Amino acid sequence: MNYLIHILILIEIYYILATALNLIAGYTGLLSIAQAAFYGVGAYIGALMALNLETPLLANLFCAALLCALFGILLGLPSLRIRDDYFTVATLAFQIIIFNIMNNWVSLTGGPLGIAGIPEPNILGWNLSPSSNFLLFTTLVSGFVLWLIHRLVSSPFGRVLKAIREDELFALSLGKNIAVYKLSIFVLGAGLAGIAGVLYAYYISFIDPFTFTVSESVLILAMVIIGGAGMLLGPIVGATLLIILPELLRFVGLPIAQAAYLRQILYGSLMVGFLILRPQGLAGYNRFGQK
């Protein structure tokens, strides 16, 4: 039962990460490779505040979301003024910079050894250290995120985002400030990734830089592509599939190192396969309106 709860918690954390990237890539057409960087920033903010300031979980979630959103503004303001392909390169550069800061600023982040001993989470006396309690909390958070995204994409704001994705010139001809819309959604995606980072740090109670590499950003992107970019339920499907499939490799009996390489091959193969054979993803619709 504990193993099942562990898998469900990971699915919900990665759902938040994937739906944040889905907002950026699926609804505006921007390809970001920096999602793991915001994820890591949120995790380190949550861990450092919990250890050094002894602030409660809710305060850490708020601060991580706020500071990651600020990082999103700092990255998005200059990057969104350039072409979309250069924007992708800028996010990749940001990802590499953040990883190197986490890996080399030993006095703050612990360097390659990371940060251990993150306190047990609790909210107003409700102890979340039992995995079943933490699962309930992550379900509440991910449920709120799902509701928030549904309201957003169903609103006039969301319809403008879809118009930008389908035909940017048409949206511009309607008098829409495309840069503002793109920046807003990029900042929101960064903030959501920060929330996921705090949840991960509290759940594992240990973080290190190698959890937040470029490979992690690619994994999150794979969840969006396989689930269905621009689809509300796409991140749920993608996160569930790509969390469960690697776990099945545990039962094959491969050495850990070989299993890790095999996971990367699996992610890459699935991404290429879906881009070629089913670009709308598992939760998407084909051109005839059928699933």
Foldseek 3Di string as FASTA:
>chain_A
DLVVLVLLLQLLLLLLLLVLQLLQCQLQNAHALQLLLLLQQLQLQLQCCCVPVVDALVVSLVVSLVVLLVVLLVQLVVLVVDDRVSSRVSNQVVLVVSLVCLQPVCVRQVHQQGDAQRDFHDDPPRTCQPSVSLSVVSCVVSVVVLVVVVVCLVDPLVVLSNVNNVPVVVSVVVVDPSSVSSSVSSSNSSSSSSSSSSSVCNNVRTDGSVCRHSLVSLLSVLQCQQQFRNDSCSNSVSSSVLSPVLVVVVVVPDPPVVSVVVSSVVSVVSNVVCVPPPRRHPNGADPVRHD
